[in-house]
C-alpha atoms as a PDB file:
ATOM      1  CA  UNK A   1       0.000   0.000   0.000  1.00  0.00           C
ATOM      2  CA  UNK A   2       1.446   3.355  -1.065  1.00  0.00           C
ATOM      3  CA  UNK A   3       1.662   6.114   1.563  1.00  0.00           C
ATOM      4  CA  UNK A   4       0.768   9.687   0.660  1.00  0.00           C
ATOM      5  CA  UNK A   5       3.456  12.345   1.023  1.00  0.00           C
ATOM      6  CA  UNK A   6       2.446  14.386   4.089  1.00  0.00           C
ATOM      7  CA  UNK A   7       4.154  17.492   2.633  1.00  0.00           C
ATOM      8  CA  UNK A   8       1.876  17.455  -0.403  1.00  0.00           C
ATOM      9  CA  UNK A   9      -1.036  19.920  -0.053  1.00  0.00           C
ATOM     10  CA  UNK A  10      -4.487  18.447   0.479  1.00  0.00           C
ATOM     11  CA  UNK A  11      -5.951  20.518  -2.375  1.00  0.00           C
ATOM     12  CA  UNK A  12      -4.312  22.481  -5.181  1.00  0.00           C
ATOM     13  CA  UNK A  13      -5.884  24.496  -7.961  1.00  0.00           C
ATOM     14  CA  UNK A  14      -3.170  25.513 -10.407  1.00  0.00           C
ATOM     15  CA  UNK A  15      -3.938  28.155 -13.068  1.00  0.00           C
ATOM     16  CA  UNK A  16      -7.520  26.917 -13.214  1.00  0.00           C
ATOM     17  CA  UNK A  17     -10.079  28.417 -15.557  1.00  0.00           C
ATOM     18  CA  UNK A  18     -13.694  27.339 -15.918  1.00  0.00           C
ATOM     19  CA  UNK A  19     -15.925  28.536 -18.718  1.00  0.00           C
ATOM     20  CA  UNK A  20     -19.581  27.841 -19.413  1.00  0.00           C
ATOM     21  CA  UNK A  21     -21.688  28.329 -22.519  1.00  0.00           C
ATOM     22  CA  UNK A  22     -25.009  30.068 -21.882  1.00  0.00           C
ATOM     23  CA  UNK A  23     -28.244  28.887 -23.513  1.00  0.00           C
ATOM     24  CA  UNK A  24     -27.794  31.745 -26.003  1.00  0.00           C
ATOM     25  CA  UNK A  25     -24.334  30.464 -26.945  1.00  0.00           C
ATOM     26  CA  UNK A  26     -22.373  33.143 -25.110  1.00  0.00           C
ATOM     27  CA  UNK A  27     -19.180  32.027 -23.340  1.00  0.00           C
ATOM     28  CA  UNK A  28     -19.084  32.938 -19.642  1.00  0.00           C
ATOM     29  CA  UNK A  29     -15.908  32.700 -17.551  1.00  0.00           C
ATOM     30  CA  UNK A  30     -16.484  31.765 -13.900  1.00  0.00           C
ATOM     31  CA  UNK A  31     -12.788  31.399 -12.976  1.00  0.00           C
ATOM     32  CA  UNK A  32      -9.699  32.602 -14.812  1.00  0.00           C
ATOM     33  CA  UNK A  33      -6.104  31.602 -13.948  1.00  0.00           C
ATOM     34  CA  UNK A  34      -7.152  30.845 -10.363  1.00  0.00           C
ATOM     35  CA  UNK A  35      -4.656  29.409  -7.873  1.00  0.00           C
ATOM     36  CA  UNK A  36      -5.416  28.068  -4.405  1.00  0.00           C
ATOM     37  CA  UNK A  37      -3.633  25.737  -2.019  1.00  0.00           C
ATOM     38  CA  UNK A  38      -5.117  24.086   1.052  1.00  0.00           C
ATOM     39  CA  UNK A  39      -2.569  22.430   3.293  1.00  0.00           C
ATOM     40  CA  UNK A  40      -3.327  19.189   5.113  1.00  0.00           C
ATOM     41  CA  UNK A  41      -5.165  19.856   8.354  1.00  0.00           C
ATOM     42  CA  UNK A  42      -6.091  23.377   7.299  1.00  0.00           C
ATOM     43  CA  UNK A  43      -9.709  24.565   7.631  1.00  0.00           C
ATOM     44  CA  UNK A  44     -10.929  26.771   4.795  1.00  0.00           C
ATOM     45  CA  UNK A  45     -14.099  28.767   4.225  1.00  0.00           C
ATOM     46  CA  UNK A  46     -14.894  29.967   0.714  1.00  0.00           C
ATOM     47  CA  UNK A  47     -16.791  33.259   0.952  1.00  0.00           C
ATOM     48  CA  UNK A  48     -17.629  36.053  -1.440  1.00  0.00           C
ATOM     49  CA  UNK A  49     -20.424  37.797  -3.317  1.00  0.00           C
ATOM     50  CA  UNK A  50     -22.864  36.047  -5.608  1.00  0.00           C
ATOM     51  CA  UNK A  51     -21.281  35.053  -8.904  1.00  0.00           C
ATOM     52  CA  UNK A  52     -17.633  35.200  -7.807  1.00  0.00           C
ATOM     53  CA  UNK A  53     -16.972  31.477  -8.418  1.00  0.00           C
ATOM     54  CA  UNK A  54     -17.406  29.900  -4.955  1.00  0.00           C
ATOM     55  CA  UNK A  55     -19.648  27.035  -6.073  1.00  0.00           C
ATOM     56  CA  UNK A  56     -17.611  26.542  -9.229  1.00  0.00           C
ATOM     57  CA  UNK A  57     -14.447  26.193  -7.136  1.00  0.00           C
ATOM     58  CA  UNK A  58     -16.087  23.686  -4.793  1.00  0.00           C
ATOM     59  CA  UNK A  59     -17.481  21.698  -7.720  1.00  0.00           C
ATOM     60  CA  UNK A  60     -13.975  21.466  -9.191  1.00  0.00           C
ATOM     61  CA  UNK A  61     -12.437  20.312  -5.905  1.00  0.00           C
ATOM     62  CA  UNK A  62     -15.092  17.640  -5.355  1.00  0.00           C
ATOM     63  CA  UNK A  63     -14.800  16.334  -8.910  1.00  0.00           C
ATOM     64  CA  UNK A  64     -18.340  17.345  -9.847  1.00  0.00           C
ATOM     65  CA  UNK A  65     -16.901  19.541 -12.619  1.00  0.00           C
ATOM     66  CA  UNK A  66     -13.689  19.620 -14.619  1.00  0.00           C
ATOM     67  CA  UNK A  67     -11.628  22.741 -15.298  1.00  0.00           C
ATOM     68  CA  UNK A  68     -11.605  24.233 -18.799  1.00  0.00           C
ATOM     69  CA  UNK A  69      -7.887  24.843 -18.254  1.00  0.00           C
ATOM     70  CA  UNK A  70      -5.370  24.249 -15.490  1.00  0.00           C
ATOM     71  CA  UNK A  71      -5.086  21.468 -12.959  1.00  0.00           C
ATOM     72  CA  UNK A  72      -6.942  20.447  -9.803  1.00  0.00           C
ATOM     73  CA  UNK A  73      -5.108  18.074  -7.459  1.00  0.00           C
ATOM     74  CA  UNK A  74      -6.205  16.194  -4.344  1.00  0.00           C
ATOM     75  CA  UNK A  75      -3.515  14.802  -2.021  1.00  0.00           C
ATOM     76  CA  UNK A  76      -0.988  15.249  -4.828  1.00  0.00           C
ATOM     77  CA  UNK A  77      -2.946  13.409  -7.516  1.00  0.00           C
ATOM     78  CA  UNK A  78      -5.234  14.673 -10.265  1.00  0.00           C
ATOM     79  CA  UNK A  79      -8.964  14.688  -9.573  1.00  0.00           C
ATOM     80  CA  UNK A  80     -10.530  12.369 -12.109  1.00  0.00           C
ATOM     81  CA  UNK A  81     -14.047  12.187 -10.709  1.00  0.00           C
ATOM     82  CA  UNK A  82     -16.028  12.318  -7.493  1.00  0.00           C
ATOM     83  CA  UNK A  83     -13.846  11.459  -4.498  1.00  0.00           C
ATOM     84  CA  UNK A  84     -15.454  10.293  -1.250  1.00  0.00           C
ATOM     85  CA  UNK A  85     -12.701  11.992   0.775  1.00  0.00           C
ATOM     86  CA  UNK A  86     -14.057  15.430  -0.167  1.00  0.00           C
ATOM     87  CA  UNK A  87     -17.323  17.079   0.699  1.00  0.00           C
ATOM     88  CA  UNK A  88     -18.798  20.497   1.278  1.00  0.00           C
ATOM     89  CA  UNK A  89     -21.946  22.026   2.710  1.00  0.00           C
ATOM     90  CA  UNK A  90     -23.765  25.193   1.764  1.00  0.00           C
ATOM     91  CA  UNK A  91     -24.761  27.213   4.830  1.00  0.00           C
ATOM     92  CA  UNK A  92     -27.996  29.127   4.968  1.00  0.00           C
ATOM     93  CA  UNK A  93     -28.270  32.642   6.329  1.00  0.00           C
ATOM     94  CA  UNK A  94     -28.943  32.915  10.071  1.00  0.00           C
ATOM     95  CA  UNK A  95     -32.515  34.012   9.303  1.00  0.00           C
ATOM     96  CA  UNK A  96     -33.170  30.859   7.286  1.00  0.00           C
ATOM     97  CA  UNK A  97     -31.517  28.681   9.927  1.00  0.00           C
ATOM     98  CA  UNK A  98     -33.823  30.082  12.606  1.00  0.00           C
ATOM     99  CA  UNK A  99     -36.846  29.443  10.403  1.00  0.00           C
ATOM    100  CA  UNK A 100     -35.841  25.881   9.555  1.00  0.00           C
ATOM    101  CA  UNK A 101     -34.955  24.999  13.177  1.00  0.00           C
ATOM    102  CA  UNK A 102     -38.162  26.576  14.403  1.00  0.00           C
ATOM    103  CA  UNK A 103     -36.382  28.843  16.894  1.00  0.00           C
END
């Protein structure tokens, strides 16, 4: 059984770009030349305004989407599909949380 190098980052996005084609045929760029490194044991929150690429980034890291350009790596290896070691959760606003919990 091969051991993972503990110095290798947990997650790496290297010069990643992600483009989409709209229903009208227009090309939309969600991420362009984006770099991010998450070290092993590090806790990260992805925050920002609507449309800045948060969900796109998380979809790339989880293997739900592939980059249009660049490389996404998990524990030193390329992400080739959904990986059970990775997950994320969308958090609702505090107002919605209170409503859902009935508080």
